[in-house]
């Protein structure tokens, strides 16, 4: 089964799709997997808060000056994605854009930043509004700043 009874993708399905997307992106240096749903994609590598292992996920991103912006939506699940919990525990991350890797520092947007950036995220991908309607948690907006 690919979806839970409430319509969310299962963790197993999400992990499999993430693995395939990441592999294609890495193998082609971003020629495959660089764009999805009419948006640019990056690879975010965090350090596992429990395992200490490197974990990589593909994410849609926006630009905000020198910062990159990602959304911790997890498809509207009632809990944050693991990658978000990992970067909260250890904000030193690596980001790959168009095959180029950079060290960055992650932080959750403050209320004023979120109020400014959330409408931009919705304009880029309207699926976020559906995700927010599925959960009572406020979906975090995350800024990735050059290290």
N, C-alpha and C. Protein backbone atom coordinates (compact mmCIF):
# COMPACT_ATOMS: atom_id res chain seq x y z
N UNK A 1 0.85 -1.18 0.00
CA UNK A 1 0.00 0.00 0.00
C UNK A 1 0.89 1.24 0.00
N UNK A 2 0.57 2.19 -0.88
CA UNK A 2 1.37 3.40 -1.02
C UNK A 2 0.88 4.56 -0.17
N UNK A 3 -0.38 4.47 0.28
CA UNK A 3 -0.97 5.56 1.05
C UNK A 3 -1.58 5.03 2.35
N UNK A 4 -1.62 5.91 3.34
CA UNK A 4 -2.28 5.58 4.59
C UNK A 4 -3.79 5.75 4.40
N UNK A 5 -4.61 5.25 5.31
CA UNK A 5 -6.06 5.40 5.16
C UNK A 5 -6.52 6.85 5.03
N UNK A 6 -5.76 7.80 5.60
CA UNK A 6 -6.16 9.21 5.49
C UNK A 6 -5.60 9.90 4.24
N UNK A 7 -4.98 9.12 3.34
CA UNK A 7 -4.55 9.66 2.06
C UNK A 7 -3.10 10.10 1.97
N UNK A 8 -2.36 10.07 3.06
CA UNK A 8 -0.95 10.44 3.03
C UNK A 8 -0.11 9.33 2.42
N UNK A 9 0.99 9.69 1.78
CA UNK A 9 1.94 8.68 1.35
C UNK A 9 2.53 8.02 2.59
N UNK A 10 2.74 6.73 2.55
CA UNK A 10 3.36 6.04 3.68
C UNK A 10 4.82 6.46 3.79
N UNK A 11 5.41 6.27 4.97
CA UNK A 11 6.84 6.57 5.17
C UNK A 11 7.69 5.76 4.19
N UNK A 12 7.32 4.51 4.00
CA UNK A 12 8.08 3.64 3.10
C UNK A 12 8.06 4.17 1.66
N UNK A 13 6.89 4.58 1.21
CA UNK A 13 6.76 5.14 -0.13
C UNK A 13 7.55 6.44 -0.25
N UNK A 14 7.42 7.29 0.74
CA UNK A 14 8.15 8.57 0.73
C UNK A 14 9.65 8.32 0.67
N UNK A 15 10.14 7.40 1.47
CA UNK A 15 11.58 7.10 1.46
C UNK A 15 12.04 6.54 0.12
N UNK A 16 11.24 5.66 -0.47
CA UNK A 16 11.61 5.08 -1.76
C UNK A 16 11.66 6.14 -2.85
N UNK A 17 10.65 7.00 -2.91
CA UNK A 17 10.64 8.06 -3.91
C UNK A 17 11.80 9.03 -3.70
N UNK A 18 12.08 9.35 -2.45
CA UNK A 18 13.20 10.24 -2.12
C UNK A 18 14.52 9.62 -2.54
N UNK A 19 14.69 8.33 -2.29
CA UNK A 19 15.92 7.64 -2.67
C UNK A 19 16.11 7.68 -4.19
N UNK A 20 15.05 7.38 -4.94
CA UNK A 20 15.14 7.37 -6.40
C UNK A 20 15.44 8.77 -6.95
N UNK A 21 14.77 9.76 -6.41
CA UNK A 21 15.00 11.14 -6.86
C UNK A 21 16.44 11.56 -6.56
N UNK A 22 16.90 11.28 -5.37
CA UNK A 22 18.27 11.64 -4.98
C UNK A 22 19.30 10.93 -5.85
N UNK A 23 19.09 9.65 -6.10
CA UNK A 23 20.04 8.89 -6.93
C UNK A 23 20.11 9.46 -8.34
N UNK A 24 18.96 9.75 -8.93
CA UNK A 24 18.94 10.33 -10.27
C UNK A 24 19.62 11.69 -10.32
N UNK A 25 19.37 12.49 -9.31
CA UNK A 25 19.97 13.83 -9.22
C UNK A 25 21.49 13.71 -9.12
N UNK A 26 21.95 12.84 -8.23
CA UNK A 26 23.40 12.70 -8.03
C UNK A 26 24.10 12.11 -9.25
N UNK A 27 23.51 11.07 -9.84
CA UNK A 27 24.13 10.41 -10.99
C UNK A 27 24.28 11.35 -12.19
N UNK A 28 23.36 12.28 -12.32
CA UNK A 28 23.38 13.18 -13.48
C UNK A 28 23.83 14.59 -13.14
N UNK A 29 24.30 14.79 -11.91
CA UNK A 29 24.72 16.12 -11.44
C UNK A 29 23.60 17.15 -11.61
N UNK A 30 22.40 16.71 -11.35
CA UNK A 30 21.25 17.60 -11.36
C UNK A 30 20.53 17.73 -12.69
N UNK A 31 21.01 17.09 -13.74
CA UNK A 31 20.30 17.17 -15.02
C UNK A 31 18.95 16.47 -14.92
N UNK A 32 18.90 15.38 -14.16
CA UNK A 32 17.63 14.71 -13.87
C UNK A 32 17.31 14.98 -12.41
N UNK A 33 16.09 15.41 -12.15
CA UNK A 33 15.67 15.66 -10.78
C UNK A 33 15.85 17.10 -10.33
N UNK A 34 16.37 17.94 -11.21
CA UNK A 34 16.60 19.35 -10.86
C UNK A 34 15.30 20.14 -10.80
N UNK A 35 14.28 19.67 -11.54
CA UNK A 35 12.99 20.35 -11.56
C UNK A 35 11.88 19.34 -11.30
N UNK A 36 10.87 19.77 -10.56
CA UNK A 36 9.71 18.94 -10.29
C UNK A 36 8.55 19.89 -10.02
N UNK A 37 7.38 19.55 -10.47
CA UNK A 37 6.18 20.38 -10.35
C UNK A 37 6.49 21.85 -10.67
N UNK A 38 7.21 22.05 -11.76
CA UNK A 38 7.56 23.40 -12.26
C UNK A 38 8.39 24.22 -11.27
N UNK A 39 9.15 23.56 -10.42
CA UNK A 39 10.00 24.26 -9.46
C UNK A 39 11.38 23.62 -9.41
N UNK A 40 12.34 24.43 -8.97
CA UNK A 40 13.70 23.94 -8.78
C UNK A 40 13.76 23.06 -7.54
N UNK A 41 14.64 22.06 -7.60
CA UNK A 41 14.82 21.12 -6.50
C UNK A 41 16.28 21.15 -6.05
N UNK A 42 16.49 20.92 -4.78
CA UNK A 42 17.83 20.78 -4.22
C UNK A 42 17.92 19.48 -3.46
N UNK A 43 19.14 19.11 -3.11
CA UNK A 43 19.36 17.99 -2.20
C UNK A 43 19.83 18.57 -0.88
N UNK A 44 19.13 18.25 0.18
CA UNK A 44 19.47 18.71 1.53
C UNK A 44 20.04 17.53 2.29
N UNK A 45 21.26 17.70 2.82
CA UNK A 45 21.90 16.65 3.61
C UNK A 45 22.02 17.13 5.05
N UNK A 46 21.39 16.38 5.95
CA UNK A 46 21.43 16.66 7.38
C UNK A 46 22.17 15.52 8.08
N UNK A 47 22.51 15.76 9.33
CA UNK A 47 23.08 14.72 10.18
C UNK A 47 21.97 14.18 11.06
N UNK A 48 21.76 12.88 11.02
CA UNK A 48 20.71 12.25 11.82
C UNK A 48 20.87 12.56 13.29
N UNK A 49 19.83 13.04 13.92
CA UNK A 49 19.89 13.44 15.33
C UNK A 49 20.07 12.25 16.26
N UNK A 50 19.67 11.05 15.83
CA UNK A 50 19.84 9.85 16.64
C UNK A 50 21.00 9.00 16.14
N UNK A 51 21.07 8.82 14.81
CA UNK A 51 22.07 7.92 14.23
C UNK A 51 23.42 8.57 14.01
N UNK A 52 23.43 9.89 13.82
CA UNK A 52 24.67 10.57 13.46
C UNK A 52 25.06 10.37 12.00
N UNK A 53 24.23 9.66 11.23
CA UNK A 53 24.51 9.39 9.82
C UNK A 53 24.01 10.53 8.95
N UNK A 54 24.64 10.67 7.79
CA UNK A 54 24.21 11.67 6.82
C UNK A 54 22.94 11.20 6.14
N UNK A 55 21.95 12.08 6.05
CA UNK A 55 20.66 11.78 5.44
C UNK A 55 20.37 12.85 4.39
N UNK A 56 20.00 12.42 3.19
CA UNK A 56 19.76 13.35 2.09
C UNK A 56 18.34 13.21 1.56
N UNK A 57 17.68 14.36 1.34
CA UNK A 57 16.34 14.39 0.77
C UNK A 57 16.28 15.46 -0.32
N UNK A 58 15.49 15.20 -1.37
CA UNK A 58 15.25 16.22 -2.38
C UNK A 58 14.09 17.11 -1.94
N UNK A 59 14.25 18.42 -2.12
CA UNK A 59 13.21 19.36 -1.72
C UNK A 59 13.05 20.48 -2.74
N UNK A 60 11.83 20.92 -2.92
CA UNK A 60 11.56 22.12 -3.69
C UNK A 60 12.15 23.29 -2.91
N UNK A 61 12.70 24.27 -3.62
CA UNK A 61 13.23 25.43 -2.92
C UNK A 61 12.92 26.72 -3.66
N UNK A 62 12.96 27.79 -2.90
CA UNK A 62 12.82 29.15 -3.40
C UNK A 62 14.08 29.91 -3.00
N UNK A 63 14.30 31.04 -3.62
CA UNK A 63 15.42 31.91 -3.25
C UNK A 63 14.88 33.13 -2.53
N UNK A 64 15.62 33.55 -1.51
CA UNK A 64 15.31 34.78 -0.78
C UNK A 64 16.63 35.48 -0.52
N UNK A 65 17.05 36.32 -1.45
CA UNK A 65 18.38 36.92 -1.37
C UNK A 65 19.42 35.83 -1.49
N UNK A 66 20.37 35.79 -0.55
CA UNK A 66 21.40 34.76 -0.55
C UNK A 66 20.92 33.44 0.05
N UNK A 67 19.77 33.49 0.71
CA UNK A 67 19.24 32.30 1.38
C UNK A 67 18.39 31.48 0.42
N UNK A 68 18.33 30.18 0.70
CA UNK A 68 17.39 29.28 0.04
C UNK A 68 16.29 28.99 1.05
N UNK A 69 15.09 28.74 0.56
CA UNK A 69 13.94 28.52 1.42
C UNK A 69 13.32 27.17 1.08
N UNK A 70 13.11 26.34 2.10
CA UNK A 70 12.43 25.06 1.93
C UNK A 70 11.28 24.98 2.92
N UNK A 71 10.33 24.12 2.62
CA UNK A 71 9.11 24.00 3.41
C UNK A 71 9.04 22.60 4.01
N UNK A 72 8.86 22.51 5.32
CA UNK A 72 8.81 21.23 6.03
C UNK A 72 7.38 20.71 6.09
N UNK A 73 6.78 20.49 4.92
CA UNK A 73 5.36 20.14 4.85
C UNK A 73 5.08 18.68 5.15
N UNK A 74 5.94 17.78 4.70
CA UNK A 74 5.76 16.33 4.84
C UNK A 74 4.37 15.89 4.41
N UNK A 75 3.88 16.52 3.33
CA UNK A 75 2.60 16.13 2.75
C UNK A 75 1.41 16.36 3.66
N UNK A 76 1.58 17.20 4.69
CA UNK A 76 0.48 17.48 5.60
C UNK A 76 0.32 16.49 6.74
N UNK A 77 1.34 15.64 6.95
CA UNK A 77 1.30 14.75 8.12
C UNK A 77 1.23 15.59 9.40
N UNK A 78 0.76 14.98 10.47
CA UNK A 78 0.63 15.69 11.74
C UNK A 78 1.94 15.82 12.52
N UNK A 79 3.03 15.40 11.92
CA UNK A 79 4.33 15.50 12.57
C UNK A 79 5.35 15.98 11.54
N UNK A 80 6.41 16.59 12.05
CA UNK A 80 7.44 17.14 11.18
C UNK A 80 8.23 16.03 10.49
N UNK A 81 8.74 16.33 9.28
CA UNK A 81 9.61 15.35 8.62
C UNK A 81 10.92 15.18 9.40
N UNK A 82 11.50 14.00 9.28
CA UNK A 82 12.76 13.72 10.00
C UNK A 82 13.85 14.72 9.63
N UNK A 83 13.94 15.11 8.35
CA UNK A 83 14.99 16.04 7.95
C UNK A 83 14.89 17.36 8.72
N UNK A 84 13.66 17.80 8.99
CA UNK A 84 13.48 19.04 9.75
C UNK A 84 13.94 18.86 11.19
N UNK A 85 13.57 17.76 11.81
CA UNK A 85 14.01 17.50 13.19
C UNK A 85 15.53 17.39 13.26
N UNK A 86 16.13 16.80 12.21
CA UNK A 86 17.59 16.69 12.17
C UNK A 86 18.25 18.06 12.10
N UNK A 87 17.75 18.96 11.26
CA UNK A 87 18.42 20.26 11.15
C UNK A 87 18.15 21.16 12.34
N UNK A 88 17.03 20.94 13.02
CA UNK A 88 16.81 21.69 14.27
C UNK A 88 17.85 21.26 15.29
N UNK A 89 18.13 19.96 15.36
CA UNK A 89 19.13 19.43 16.30
C UNK A 89 20.55 19.80 15.89
N UNK A 90 20.80 19.87 14.59
CA UNK A 90 22.14 20.19 14.08
C UNK A 90 21.97 21.03 12.82
N UNK A 91 22.00 22.37 12.95
CA UNK A 91 21.71 23.24 11.81
C UNK A 91 22.80 23.32 10.74
N UNK A 92 23.95 22.72 10.98
CA UNK A 92 24.99 22.67 9.95
C UNK A 92 24.62 21.63 8.91
N UNK A 93 24.37 22.06 7.68
CA UNK A 93 23.87 21.17 6.63
C UNK A 93 24.69 21.34 5.36
N UNK A 94 24.48 20.43 4.42
CA UNK A 94 25.03 20.57 3.07
C UNK A 94 23.86 20.62 2.11
N UNK A 95 24.00 21.45 1.09
CA UNK A 95 22.97 21.61 0.08
C UNK A 95 23.60 21.44 -1.28
N UNK A 96 22.95 20.67 -2.15
CA UNK A 96 23.40 20.51 -3.52
C UNK A 96 22.37 21.14 -4.44
N UNK A 97 22.83 22.10 -5.24
CA UNK A 97 21.99 22.77 -6.23
C UNK A 97 22.72 22.68 -7.56
N UNK A 98 22.04 22.14 -8.57
CA UNK A 98 22.63 21.99 -9.91
C UNK A 98 23.97 21.28 -9.87
N UNK A 99 24.08 20.27 -9.01
CA UNK A 99 25.29 19.47 -8.94
C UNK A 99 26.40 20.07 -8.10
N UNK A 100 26.21 21.26 -7.55
CA UNK A 100 27.23 21.92 -6.73
C UNK A 100 26.82 21.89 -5.26
N UNK A 101 27.73 21.40 -4.42
CA UNK A 101 27.46 21.25 -3.00
C UNK A 101 28.00 22.45 -2.23
N UNK A 102 27.24 22.92 -1.23
CA UNK A 102 27.64 24.04 -0.39
C UNK A 102 27.29 23.76 1.06
N UNK A 103 28.15 24.19 1.96
CA UNK A 103 27.84 24.14 3.38
C UNK A 103 26.93 25.31 3.71
N UNK A 104 25.89 25.03 4.47
CA UNK A 104 24.92 26.07 4.84
C UNK A 104 24.49 25.87 6.29
N UNK A 105 23.79 26.86 6.80
CA UNK A 105 23.23 26.81 8.14
C UNK A 105 21.73 26.99 8.02
N UNK A 106 20.99 26.10 8.66
CA UNK A 106 19.52 26.13 8.58
C UNK A 106 18.93 26.77 9.82
N UNK A 107 17.80 27.44 9.61
CA UNK A 107 17.05 28.00 10.73
C UNK A 107 15.59 28.12 10.33
N UNK A 108 14.71 27.95 11.31
CA UNK A 108 13.28 28.11 11.07
C UNK A 108 12.98 29.60 10.98
N UNK A 109 12.18 29.96 9.99
CA UNK A 109 11.81 31.37 9.81
C UNK A 109 11.07 31.88 11.04
N UNK A 110 11.36 33.13 11.40
CA UNK A 110 10.61 33.75 12.49
C UNK A 110 9.22 34.13 11.96
N UNK A 111 8.30 34.52 12.83
CA UNK A 111 6.93 34.79 12.37
C UNK A 111 6.83 35.82 11.23
N UNK A 112 7.64 36.87 11.29
CA UNK A 112 7.59 37.89 10.23
C UNK A 112 8.10 37.32 8.91
N UNK A 113 9.20 36.56 8.96
CA UNK A 113 9.73 35.94 7.75
C UNK A 113 8.72 34.95 7.17
N UNK A 114 8.12 34.15 8.05
CA UNK A 114 7.14 33.17 7.58
C UNK A 114 5.96 33.86 6.91
N UNK A 115 5.48 34.95 7.51
CA UNK A 115 4.34 35.69 6.94
C UNK A 115 4.68 36.21 5.54
N UNK A 116 5.92 36.56 5.30
CA UNK A 116 6.36 37.05 4.00
C UNK A 116 6.60 35.91 3.01
N UNK A 117 7.20 34.81 3.49
CA UNK A 117 7.63 33.72 2.60
C UNK A 117 6.53 32.69 2.30
N UNK A 118 5.61 32.46 3.22
CA UNK A 118 4.59 31.45 3.01
C UNK A 118 3.76 31.73 1.74
N UNK A 119 3.30 32.97 1.50
CA UNK A 119 2.57 33.23 0.26
C UNK A 119 3.41 32.97 -0.99
N UNK A 120 4.70 33.21 -0.92
CA UNK A 120 5.58 32.91 -2.06
C UNK A 120 5.66 31.40 -2.30
N UNK A 121 5.70 30.64 -1.21
CA UNK A 121 5.73 29.18 -1.33
C UNK A 121 4.42 28.68 -1.96
N UNK A 122 3.29 29.24 -1.53
CA UNK A 122 1.99 28.85 -2.09
C UNK A 122 1.90 29.20 -3.57
N UNK A 123 2.47 30.34 -3.96
CA UNK A 123 2.47 30.74 -5.37
C UNK A 123 3.33 29.79 -6.20
N UNK A 124 4.40 29.29 -5.62
CA UNK A 124 5.29 28.37 -6.33
C UNK A 124 4.68 26.98 -6.45
N UNK A 125 3.99 26.54 -5.40
CA UNK A 125 3.42 25.19 -5.39
C UNK A 125 2.15 25.21 -4.55
N UNK A 126 1.02 25.20 -5.19
CA UNK A 126 -0.25 25.32 -4.47
C UNK A 126 -0.59 24.10 -3.63
N UNK A 127 0.14 23.00 -3.81
CA UNK A 127 -0.06 21.83 -2.97
C UNK A 127 0.16 22.09 -1.49
N UNK A 128 0.99 23.10 -1.18
CA UNK A 128 1.25 23.42 0.22
C UNK A 128 -0.03 23.84 0.95
N UNK A 129 -0.95 24.49 0.27
CA UNK A 129 -2.19 24.90 0.95
C UNK A 129 -3.00 23.67 1.35
N UNK A 130 -3.03 22.65 0.48
CA UNK A 130 -3.71 21.41 0.83
C UNK A 130 -3.03 20.70 1.99
N UNK A 131 -1.70 20.71 1.98
CA UNK A 131 -0.96 20.08 3.07
C UNK A 131 -1.28 20.77 4.39
N UNK A 132 -1.30 22.12 4.39
CA UNK A 132 -1.58 22.85 5.62
C UNK A 132 -2.98 22.56 6.11
N UNK A 133 -3.93 22.36 5.18
CA UNK A 133 -5.31 22.10 5.60
C UNK A 133 -5.48 20.72 6.21
N UNK A 134 -4.54 19.80 5.95
CA UNK A 134 -4.62 18.43 6.49
C UNK A 134 -4.11 18.31 7.92
N UNK A 135 -3.41 19.33 8.41
CA UNK A 135 -2.77 19.20 9.71
C UNK A 135 -3.02 20.43 10.57
N UNK A 136 -2.97 20.23 11.88
CA UNK A 136 -3.11 21.36 12.79
C UNK A 136 -1.77 22.00 13.10
N UNK A 137 -0.66 21.32 12.79
CA UNK A 137 0.65 21.93 13.04
C UNK A 137 0.90 23.03 12.02
N UNK A 138 1.61 24.06 12.43
CA UNK A 138 2.02 25.07 11.46
C UNK A 138 3.22 24.51 10.71
N UNK A 139 3.10 24.44 9.41
CA UNK A 139 4.18 23.91 8.59
C UNK A 139 5.34 24.89 8.62
N UNK A 140 6.53 24.43 9.05
CA UNK A 140 7.67 25.33 9.13
C UNK A 140 8.21 25.76 7.77
N UNK A 141 8.60 27.02 7.71
CA UNK A 141 9.36 27.56 6.60
C UNK A 141 10.80 27.64 7.10
N UNK A 142 11.74 27.12 6.31
CA UNK A 142 13.12 27.02 6.76
C UNK A 142 14.02 27.79 5.81
N UNK A 143 14.89 28.62 6.39
CA UNK A 143 15.87 29.36 5.61
C UNK A 143 17.21 28.67 5.71
N UNK A 144 17.87 28.54 4.56
CA UNK A 144 19.20 27.93 4.49
C UNK A 144 20.15 29.05 4.09
N UNK A 145 20.99 29.45 5.03
CA UNK A 145 21.92 30.56 4.81
C UNK A 145 23.32 30.03 4.52
N UNK A 146 24.05 30.73 3.62
CA UNK A 146 25.45 30.31 3.38
C UNK A 146 26.22 30.26 4.69
N UNK A 147 27.05 29.24 4.84
CA UNK A 147 27.81 29.09 6.10
C UNK A 147 28.93 30.11 6.17
